Amino acid sequence: MTLLSALKLALVASIFLSVLALALRARAADVFYLFREWRLGLRAFIAMFVVVPAVAIFIAYAFELKPAVEIALIALAFSPVPPLLPKKQIKAGGAASYTTGLMVGASLASLVAAPIGIALAGHVFGIETHVSVPGIVKTLGMLIAVPLALGLLAQRLFGESARTIASALGHFALLLLAACALVLLFVIAPALWAVMGDGTIVAIVAMILAGLAAGYLLAGPTPEDRAALSLAAAARHPGIAMGIAAVNFPDEKLAPAAILLFFILSAVLSMPLLHLLGKATANPSA
């Protein structure tokens, strides 16, 4: 097994275990929360799959980025919530029902939005694009649907012990992800340096800030929902984005480097908002 194969397997395992840990704490009713509360669901859809993609297309067009980087940013804009995000959203004060519903709802919305959005972006930039819908379905099924179902089932089997198991799995998944990120950073470092010029960093920062602002403004009046949607709109599933980029630029290393750079900057730029909204939800009267 090569280093990259082992790294991919470890990343998949960390994501799977993270969603499983979330599901061990969630309720079955949380899964379709944003379909029942459809107004909240519509706001979330507009923030994630209308505002952010529009900003991404405008930024990519304005900065005249490399084609592989352009597609990487557009792919990110149409990708769902990363499975590790709900833990961060809950830490910021987001309700478990909203964060779980957002993860599921965004995954389903991405199946429709990604093919349409990538095709539109390809037309704008004059690039022939392709999106593997079966590939997206397979990835989301394996990394979200399966662990979510297993976690909800395990709750019935283990009862109160499920929360203890969830805590242990969550910590292990986080450590595994951190180790993978360090190795990936080392492996992809040359390409990462290559995308730091020609306005790519400025474009990524602008896209992340637009996501944070869109989520904050469209989530509604409650600090809890603002915290959850702001983080969701500014952070996307890197695995889905890399899959889309790989289909369109199979031999190009700049696309995964741009996606990794987005992942790093999103985590850094979200920290101040995470802190402020966490304080707001802890002190609602302030």
Foldseek 3Di string as FASTA:
>chain_A
DDPVVVLVVLLLLLLQLLLLLLLLPDAPLLQQLCVVVVLLVVLLCCLQQPQLLVLLLVLCVVLVADPLQSLLSNLQSLFFFRSNCLVLLVLLPADSSLLNNRRNSSLVSSLVRVVVSSCVSCVVVVADFDADSVVSVVSCCSRHVVSNVVSNVVCVVPPPCSNVVSVVSNVVSVVSVVVSLVVVCVVLVVLLVVQPDSCLLVSLLVSLVSSLVSLQVRNDDDLSSSSSSSLRNNGGHLVSSVNRSCVRPVPDSNSSSSSSSSNVVSVVVSVVVSVVSSVCSVPVVD
